[in-house]
Amino acid sequence: MRTTITIEDDVLQRARTVSSNLKKPFRLIINSALRLGLEQVEKPSKRKTYTTKPKPMGLKQGYEIDNIHELLDRIDEEGSR
């Protein structure tokens, strides 16, 4: 089947170079490249799921979470030392 498409210059040159190097017809190279490319487009990329392992942090001894303002003040004081 014949159709008209616009191929960017760098892609066209690369296809011609591959065709010449492999001594295969240009149309065969283009069709092969399109098949491979379409397979890649159809496949979802395989990504590993990012997971973290929670660890209990707790509070330093002597700190209580009952009065958050006091806790924040104490933390600020320690940070400025």
PDB file of N, CA and C in Angstrom:
ATOM      1  N   MET A   1       0.852  -1.170   0.000  1.00  0.00           N
ATOM      2  CA  MET A   1       0.000   0.000   0.000  1.00  0.00           C
ATOM      3  C   MET A   1       0.899   1.234   0.000  1.00  0.00           C
ATOM      4  N   ARG A   2       0.550   2.180  -0.785  1.00  0.00           N
ATOM      5  CA  ARG A   2       1.309   3.420  -0.853  1.00  0.00           C
ATOM      6  C   ARG A   2       0.624   4.481  -0.016  1.00  0.00           C
ATOM      7  N   THR A   3       1.450   5.268   0.666  1.00  0.00           N
ATOM      8  CA  THR A   3       0.931   6.398   1.429  1.00  0.00           C
ATOM      9  C   THR A   3       2.036   7.448   1.490  1.00  0.00           C
ATOM     10  N   THR A   4       1.664   8.659   1.797  1.00  0.00           N
ATOM     11  CA  THR A   4       2.636   9.744   1.900  1.00  0.00           C
ATOM     12  C   THR A   4       2.762  10.148   3.351  1.00  0.00           C
ATOM     13  N   ILE A   5       4.006  10.172   3.832  1.00  0.00           N
ATOM     14  CA  ILE A   5       4.276  10.629   5.191  1.00  0.00           C
ATOM     15  C   ILE A   5       5.452  11.596   5.149  1.00  0.00           C
ATOM     16  N   THR A   6       5.570  12.398   6.171  1.00  0.00           N
ATOM     17  CA  THR A   6       6.700  13.311   6.284  1.00  0.00           C
ATOM     18  C   THR A   6       7.681  12.728   7.286  1.00  0.00           C
ATOM     19  N   ILE A   7       8.904  12.504   6.826  1.00  0.00           N
ATOM     20  CA  ILE A   7       9.962  11.964   7.681  1.00  0.00           C
ATOM     21  C   ILE A   7      10.993  13.064   7.893  1.00  0.00           C
ATOM     22  N   GLU A   8      11.355  13.271   9.132  1.00  0.00           N
ATOM     23  CA  GLU A   8      12.341  14.307   9.431  1.00  0.00           C
ATOM     24  C   GLU A   8      13.691  13.932   8.826  1.00  0.00           C
ATOM     25  N   ASP A   9      14.472  14.968   8.488  1.00  0.00           N
ATOM     26  CA  ASP A   9      15.723  14.778   7.764  1.00  0.00           C
ATOM     27  C   ASP A   9      16.688  13.823   8.455  1.00  0.00           C
ATOM     28  N   ASP A  10      16.842  13.955   9.775  1.00  0.00           N
ATOM     29  CA  ASP A  10      17.801  13.097  10.477  1.00  0.00           C
ATOM     30  C   ASP A  10      17.373  11.630  10.446  1.00  0.00           C
ATOM     31  N   VAL A  11      16.069  11.380  10.532  1.00  0.00           N
ATOM     32  CA  VAL A  11      15.555  10.012  10.494  1.00  0.00           C
ATOM     33  C   VAL A  11      15.724   9.434   9.085  1.00  0.00           C
ATOM     34  N   LEU A  12      15.444  10.236   8.095  1.00  0.00           N
ATOM     35  CA  LEU A  12      15.587   9.811   6.704  1.00  0.00           C
ATOM     36  C   LEU A  12      17.036   9.450   6.405  1.00  0.00           C
ATOM     37  N   GLN A  13      17.957  10.292   6.829  1.00  0.00           N
ATOM     38  CA  GLN A  13      19.380  10.033   6.578  1.00  0.00           C
ATOM     39  C   GLN A  13      19.834   8.760   7.289  1.00  0.00           C
ATOM     40  N   ARG A  14      19.368   8.589   8.508  1.00  0.00           N
ATOM     41  CA  ARG A  14      19.752   7.384   9.260  1.00  0.00           C
ATOM     42  C   ARG A  14      19.211   6.130   8.581  1.00  0.00           C
ATOM     43  N   ALA A  15      17.969   6.180   8.119  1.00  0.00           N
ATOM     44  CA  ALA A  15      17.376   5.031   7.421  1.00  0.00           C
ATOM     45  C   ALA A  15      18.125   4.733   6.136  1.00  0.00           C
ATOM     46  N   ARG A  16      18.512   5.758   5.419  1.00  0.00           N
ATOM     47  CA  ARG A  16      19.277   5.546   4.186  1.00  0.00           C
ATOM     48  C   ARG A  16      20.646   4.929   4.484  1.00  0.00           C
ATOM     49  N   THR A  17      21.274   5.392   5.561  1.00  0.00           N
ATOM     50  CA  THR A  17      22.583   4.854   5.950  1.00  0.00           C
ATOM     51  C   THR A  17      22.459   3.379   6.331  1.00  0.00           C
ATOM     52  N   VAL A  18      21.445   3.051   7.113  1.00  0.00           N
ATOM     53  CA  VAL A  18      21.224   1.652   7.512  1.00  0.00           C
ATOM     54  C   VAL A  18      20.947   0.800   6.274  1.00  0.00           C
ATOM     55  N   SER A  19      20.134   1.304   5.380  1.00  0.00           N
ATOM     56  CA  SER A  19      19.814   0.594   4.148  1.00  0.00           C
ATOM     57  C   SER A  19      21.080   0.307   3.343  1.00  0.00           C
ATOM     58  N   SER A  20      21.933   1.305   3.257  1.00  0.00           N
ATOM     59  CA  SER A  20      23.184   1.151   2.512  1.00  0.00           C
ATOM     60  C   SER A  20      24.132   0.172   3.203  1.00  0.00           C
ATOM     61  N   ASN A  21      24.269   0.316   4.515  1.00  0.00           N
ATOM     62  CA  ASN A  21      25.182  -0.552   5.269  1.00  0.00           C
ATOM     63  C   ASN A  21      24.749  -2.011   5.231  1.00  0.00           C
ATOM     64  N   LEU A  22      23.456  -2.246   5.314  1.00  0.00           N
ATOM     65  CA  LEU A  22      22.945  -3.617   5.323  1.00  0.00           C
ATOM     66  C   LEU A  22      22.672  -4.152   3.917  1.00  0.00           C
ATOM     67  N   LYS A  23      22.812  -3.262   2.938  1.00  0.00           N
ATOM     68  CA  LYS A  23      22.548  -3.616   1.535  1.00  0.00           C
ATOM     69  C   LYS A  23      21.148  -4.237   1.384  1.00  0.00           C
ATOM     70  N   LYS A  24      20.192  -3.552   2.003  1.00  0.00           N
ATOM     71  CA  LYS A  24      18.793  -3.975   1.926  1.00  0.00           C
ATOM     72  C   LYS A  24      17.971  -2.807   1.389  1.00  0.00           C
ATOM     73  N   PRO A  25      16.828  -3.109   0.770  1.00  0.00           N
ATOM     74  CA  PRO A  25      15.998  -2.034   0.216  1.00  0.00           C
ATOM     75  C   PRO A  25      15.527  -1.052   1.295  1.00  0.00           C
ATOM     76  N   PHE A  26      15.472   0.194   0.903  1.00  0.00           N
ATOM     77  CA  PHE A  26      15.058   1.267   1.799  1.00  0.00           C
ATOM     78  C   PHE A  26      13.680   0.988   2.407  1.00  0.00           C
ATOM     79  N   ARG A  27      12.733   0.544   1.567  1.00  0.00           N
ATOM     80  CA  ARG A  27      11.379   0.276   2.054  1.00  0.00           C
ATOM     81  C   ARG A  27      11.375  -0.819   3.118  1.00  0.00           C
ATOM     82  N   LEU A  28      12.251  -1.814   2.984  1.00  0.00           N
ATOM     83  CA  LEU A  28      12.344  -2.887   3.971  1.00  0.00           C
ATOM     84  C   LEU A  28      12.842  -2.341   5.315  1.00  0.00           C
ATOM     85  N   ILE A  29      13.820  -1.459   5.253  1.00  0.00           N
ATOM     86  CA  ILE A  29      14.355  -0.843   6.474  1.00  0.00           C
ATOM     87  C   ILE A  29      13.274  -0.008   7.161  1.00  0.00           C
ATOM     88  N   ILE A  30      12.568   0.799   6.404  1.00  0.00           N
ATOM     89  CA  ILE A  30      11.510   1.652   6.964  1.00  0.00           C
ATOM     90  C   ILE A  30      10.415   0.794   7.595  1.00  0.00           C
ATOM     91  N   ASN A  31       9.959  -0.245   6.895  1.00  0.00           N
ATOM     92  CA  ASN A  31       8.902  -1.107   7.434  1.00  0.00           C
ATOM     93  C   ASN A  31       9.367  -1.834   8.695  1.00  0.00           C
ATOM     94  N   SER A  32      10.598  -2.324   8.701  1.00  0.00           N
ATOM     95  CA  SER A  32      11.131  -3.008   9.888  1.00  0.00           C
ATOM     96  C   SER A  32      11.217  -2.053  11.071  1.00  0.00           C
ATOM     97  N   ALA A  33      11.717  -0.854  10.808  1.00  0.00           N
ATOM     98  CA  ALA A  33      11.839   0.140  11.882  1.00  0.00           C
ATOM     99  C   ALA A  33      10.474   0.532  12.430  1.00  0.00           C
ATOM    100  N   LEU A  34       9.497   0.687  11.573  1.00  0.00           N
ATOM    101  CA  LEU A  34       8.140   1.019  12.018  1.00  0.00           C
ATOM    102  C   LEU A  34       7.540  -0.115  12.855  1.00  0.00           C
ATOM    103  N   ARG A  35       7.747  -1.344  12.425  1.00  0.00           N
ATOM    104  CA  ARG A  35       7.222  -2.477  13.199  1.00  0.00           C
ATOM    105  C   ARG A  35       7.828  -2.505  14.601  1.00  0.00           C
ATOM    106  N   LEU A  36       9.159  -2.375  14.660  1.00  0.00           N
ATOM    107  CA  LEU A  36       9.832  -2.375  15.959  1.00  0.00           C
ATOM    108  C   LEU A  36       9.374  -1.202  16.819  1.00  0.00           C
ATOM    109  N   GLY A  37       9.278  -0.053  16.209  1.00  0.00           N
ATOM    110  CA  GLY A  37       8.855   1.140  16.945  1.00  0.00           C
ATOM    111  C   GLY A  37       7.434   1.029  17.460  1.00  0.00           C
ATOM    112  N   LEU A  38       6.549   0.500  16.655  1.00  0.00           N
ATOM    113  CA  LEU A  38       5.154   0.347  17.071  1.00  0.00           C
ATOM    114  C   LEU A  38       5.020  -0.672  18.198  1.00  0.00           C
ATOM    115  N   GLU A  39       5.842  -1.726  18.172  1.00  0.00           N
ATOM    116  CA  GLU A  39       5.833  -2.690  19.279  1.00  0.00           C
ATOM    117  C   GLU A  39       6.217  -2.005  20.582  1.00  0.00           C
ATOM    118  N   GLN A  40       7.222  -1.143  20.529  1.00  0.00           N
ATOM    119  CA  GLN A  40       7.673  -0.434  21.721  1.00  0.00           C
ATOM    120  C   GLN A  40       6.613   0.547  22.218  1.00  0.00           C
ATOM    121  N   VAL A  41       5.922   1.195  21.307  1.00  0.00           N
ATOM    122  CA  VAL A  41       4.887   2.159  21.682  1.00  0.00           C
ATOM    123  C   VAL A  41       3.718   1.448  22.358  1.00  0.00           C
ATOM    124  N   GLU A  42       3.394   0.255  21.869  1.00  0.00           N
ATOM    125  CA  GLU A  42       2.262  -0.484  22.422  1.00  0.00           C
ATOM    126  C   GLU A  42       2.549  -1.084  23.795  1.00  0.00           C
ATOM    127  N   LYS A  43       3.810  -1.405  24.062  1.00  0.00           N
ATOM    128  CA  LYS A  43       4.164  -2.016  25.348  1.00  0.00           C
ATOM    129  C   LYS A  43       4.297  -0.938  26.412  1.00  0.00           C
ATOM    130  N   PRO A  44       3.668  -1.150  27.564  1.00  0.00           N
ATOM    131  CA  PRO A  44       3.906  -0.200  28.657  1.00  0.00           C
ATOM    132  C   PRO A  44       5.317  -0.406  29.193  1.00  0.00           C
ATOM    133  N   SER A  45       5.937   0.671  29.624  1.00  0.00           N
ATOM    134  CA  SER A  45       7.291   0.545  30.143  1.00  0.00           C
ATOM    135  C   SER A  45       7.263  -0.202  31.470  1.00  0.00           C
ATOM    136  N   LYS A  46       8.267  -1.029  31.676  1.00  0.00           N
ATOM    137  CA  LYS A  46       8.347  -1.809  32.908  1.00  0.00           C
ATOM    138  C   LYS A  46       9.112  -0.996  33.943  1.00  0.00           C
ATOM    139  N   ARG A  47       8.392  -0.537  34.927  1.00  0.00           N
ATOM    140  CA  ARG A  47       9.009   0.242  36.000  1.00  0.00           C
ATOM    141  C   ARG A  47       8.836  -0.504  37.305  1.00  0.00           C
ATOM    142  N   LYS A  48       9.867  -0.460  38.089  1.00  0.00           N
ATOM    143  CA  LYS A  48       9.757  -1.051  39.405  1.00  0.00           C
ATOM    144  C   LYS A  48       8.949  -0.113  40.294  1.00  0.00           C
ATOM    145  N   THR A  49       8.095  -0.710  41.098  1.00  0.00           N
ATOM    146  CA  THR A  49       7.302   0.079  42.022  1.00  0.00           C
ATOM    147  C   THR A  49       8.210   0.550  43.150  1.00  0.00           C
ATOM    148  N   TYR A  50       8.168   1.833  43.422  1.00  0.00           N
ATOM    149  CA  TYR A  50       8.982   2.400  44.491  1.00  0.00           C
ATOM    150  C   TYR A  50       8.261   2.206  45.811  1.00  0.00           C
ATOM    151  N   THR A  51       8.938   1.562  46.737  1.00  0.00           N
ATOM    152  CA  THR A  51       8.346   1.355  48.049  1.00  0.00           C
ATOM    153  C   THR A  51       9.329   1.765  49.127  1.00  0.00           C
ATOM    154  N   THR A  52       8.799   2.148  50.246  1.00  0.00           N
ATOM    155  CA  THR A  52       9.627   2.469  51.407  1.00  0.00           C
ATOM    156  C   THR A  52       9.157   1.619  52.564  1.00  0.00           C
ATOM    157  N   LYS A  53      10.076   1.364  53.467  1.00  0.00           N
ATOM    158  CA  LYS A  53       9.728   0.596  54.649  1.00  0.00           C
ATOM    159  C   LYS A  53       9.632   1.546  55.829  1.00  0.00           C
ATOM    160  N   PRO A  54       8.454   1.650  56.422  1.00  0.00           N
ATOM    161  CA  PRO A  54       8.301   2.554  57.557  1.00  0.00           C
ATOM    162  C   PRO A  54       9.056   2.028  58.779  1.00  0.00           C
ATOM    163  N   LYS A  55       9.586   2.957  59.536  1.00  0.00           N
ATOM    164  CA  LYS A  55      10.274   2.608  60.771  1.00  0.00           C
ATOM    165  C   LYS A  55       9.705   3.470  61.886  1.00  0.00           C
ATOM    166  N   PRO A  56       9.489   2.866  63.044  1.00  0.00           N
ATOM    167  CA  PRO A  56       8.977   3.675  64.156  1.00  0.00           C
ATOM    168  C   PRO A  56      10.034   4.683  64.590  1.00  0.00           C
ATOM    169  N   MET A  57       9.654   5.936  64.676  1.00  0.00           N
ATOM    170  CA  MET A  57      10.603   6.985  65.037  1.00  0.00           C
ATOM    171  C   MET A  57      10.476   7.342  66.516  1.00  0.00           C
ATOM    172  N   GLY A  58       9.244   7.475  66.969  1.00  0.00           N
ATOM    173  CA  GLY A  58       9.027   7.806  68.365  1.00  0.00           C
ATOM    174  C   GLY A  58       9.568   9.180  68.718  1.00  0.00           C
ATOM    175  N   LEU A  59       9.446   9.525  69.978  1.00  0.00           N
ATOM    176  CA  LEU A  59       9.959  10.798  70.483  1.00  0.00           C
ATOM    177  C   LEU A  59      11.133  10.526  71.413  1.00  0.00           C
ATOM    178  N   LYS A  60      12.020  11.508  71.514  1.00  0.00           N
ATOM    179  CA  LYS A  60      13.117  11.400  72.472  1.00  0.00           C
ATOM    180  C   LYS A  60      12.525  11.329  73.876  1.00  0.00           C
ATOM    181  N   GLN A  61      13.253  10.674  74.734  1.00  0.00           N
ATOM    182  CA  GLN A  61      12.795  10.559  76.110  1.00  0.00           C
ATOM    183  C   GLN A  61      12.697  11.957  76.721  1.00  0.00           C
ATOM    184  N   GLY A  62      11.631  12.204  77.447  1.00  0.00           N
ATOM    185  CA  GLY A  62      11.410  13.502  78.067  1.00  0.00           C
ATOM    186  C   GLY A  62      10.520  14.419  77.243  1.00  0.00           C
ATOM    187  N   TYR A  63      10.225  14.033  76.020  1.00  0.00           N
ATOM    188  CA  TYR A  63       9.346  14.819  75.161  1.00  0.00           C
ATOM    189  C   TYR A  63       7.966  14.192  75.174  1.00  0.00           C
ATOM    190  N   GLU A  64       6.957  15.046  75.123  1.00  0.00           N
ATOM    191  CA  GLU A  64       5.585  14.553  75.058  1.00  0.00           C
ATOM    192  C   GLU A  64       4.864  15.259  73.931  1.00  0.00           C
ATOM    193  N   ILE A  65       3.958  14.553  73.328  1.00  0.00           N
ATOM    194  CA  ILE A  65       3.228  15.120  72.196  1.00  0.00           C
ATOM    195  C   ILE A  65       1.927  15.782  72.632  1.00  0.00           C
ATOM    196  N   ASP A  66       1.633  15.720  73.903  1.00  0.00           N
ATOM    197  CA  ASP A  66       0.380  16.298  74.409  1.00  0.00           C
ATOM    198  C   ASP A  66       0.316  17.805  74.175  1.00  0.00           C
ATOM    199  N   ASN A  67       1.433  18.506  74.326  1.00  0.00           N
ATOM    200  CA  ASN A  67       1.461  19.951  74.122  1.00  0.00           C
ATOM    201  C   ASN A  67       2.389  20.229  72.943  1.00  0.00           C
ATOM    202  N   ILE A  68       1.809  20.311  71.760  1.00  0.00           N
ATOM    203  CA  ILE A  68       2.598  20.445  70.534  1.00  0.00           C
ATOM    204  C   ILE A  68       3.394  21.740  70.504  1.00  0.00           C
ATOM    205  N   HIS A  69       2.843  22.826  71.048  1.00  0.00           N
ATOM    206  CA  HIS A  69       3.554  24.106  71.041  1.00  0.00           C
ATOM    207  C   HIS A  69       4.827  24.016  71.875  1.00  0.00           C
ATOM    208  N   GLU A  70       4.743  23.397  73.013  1.00  0.00           N
ATOM    209  CA  GLU A  70       5.915  23.225  73.871  1.00  0.00           C
ATOM    210  C   GLU A  70       6.957  22.322  73.180  1.00  0.00           C
ATOM    211  N   LEU A  71       6.484  21.273  72.540  1.00  0.00           N
ATOM    212  CA  LEU A  71       7.377  20.369  71.827  1.00  0.00           C
ATOM    213  C   LEU A  71       8.115  21.107  70.713  1.00  0.00           C
ATOM    214  N   LEU A  72       7.395  21.904  69.939  1.00  0.00           N
ATOM    215  CA  LEU A  72       8.018  22.661  68.851  1.00  0.00           C
ATOM    216  C   LEU A  72       9.010  23.690  69.383  1.00  0.00           C
ATOM    217  N   ASP A  73       8.674  24.347  70.488  1.00  0.00           N
ATOM    218  CA  ASP A  73       9.598  25.303  71.091  1.00  0.00           C
ATOM    219  C   ASP A  73      10.896  24.617  71.519  1.00  0.00           C
ATOM    220  N   ARG A  74      10.785  23.449  72.134  1.00  0.00           N
ATOM    221  CA  ARG A  74      11.976  22.724  72.573  1.00  0.00           C
ATOM    222  C   ARG A  74      12.833  22.287  71.391  1.00  0.00           C
ATOM    223  N   ILE A  75      12.177  21.861  70.325  1.00  0.00           N
ATOM    224  CA  ILE A  75      12.920  21.449  69.124  1.00  0.00           C
ATOM    225  C   ILE A  75      13.636  22.654  68.516  1.00  0.00           C
ATOM    226  N   ASP A  76      12.959  23.799  68.452  1.00  0.00           N
ATOM    227  CA  ASP A  76      13.578  25.025  67.935  1.00  0.00           C
ATOM    228  C   ASP A  76      14.778  25.430  68.760  1.00  0.00           C
ATOM    229  N   GLU A  77      14.653  25.336  70.081  1.00  0.00           N
ATOM    230  CA  GLU A  77      15.770  25.691  70.965  1.00  0.00           C
ATOM    231  C   GLU A  77      16.973  24.782  70.710  1.00  0.00           C
ATOM    232  N   GLU A  78      16.740  23.490  70.530  1.00  0.00           N
ATOM    233  CA  GLU A  78      17.833  22.567  70.265  1.00  0.00           C
ATOM    234  C   GLU A  78      18.498  22.856  68.927  1.00  0.00           C
ATOM    235  N   GLY A  79      17.712  23.229  67.948  1.00  0.00           N
ATOM    236  CA  GLY A  79      18.252  23.512  66.628  1.00  0.00           C
ATOM    237  C   GLY A  79      19.110  24.756  66.584  1.00  0.00           C
ATOM    238  N   SER A  80      18.887  25.686  67.464  1.00  0.00           N
ATOM    239  CA  SER A  80      19.645  26.951  67.453  1.00  0.00           C
ATOM    240  C   SER A  80      20.941  26.833  68.257  1.00  0.00           C
ATOM    241  N   ARG A  81      21.157  25.729  68.925  1.00  0.00           N
ATOM    242  CA  ARG A  81      22.399  25.568  69.708  1.00  0.00           C
ATOM    243  C   ARG A  81      23.567  25.265  68.860  1.00  0.00           C
TER     244      ARG A  81
END
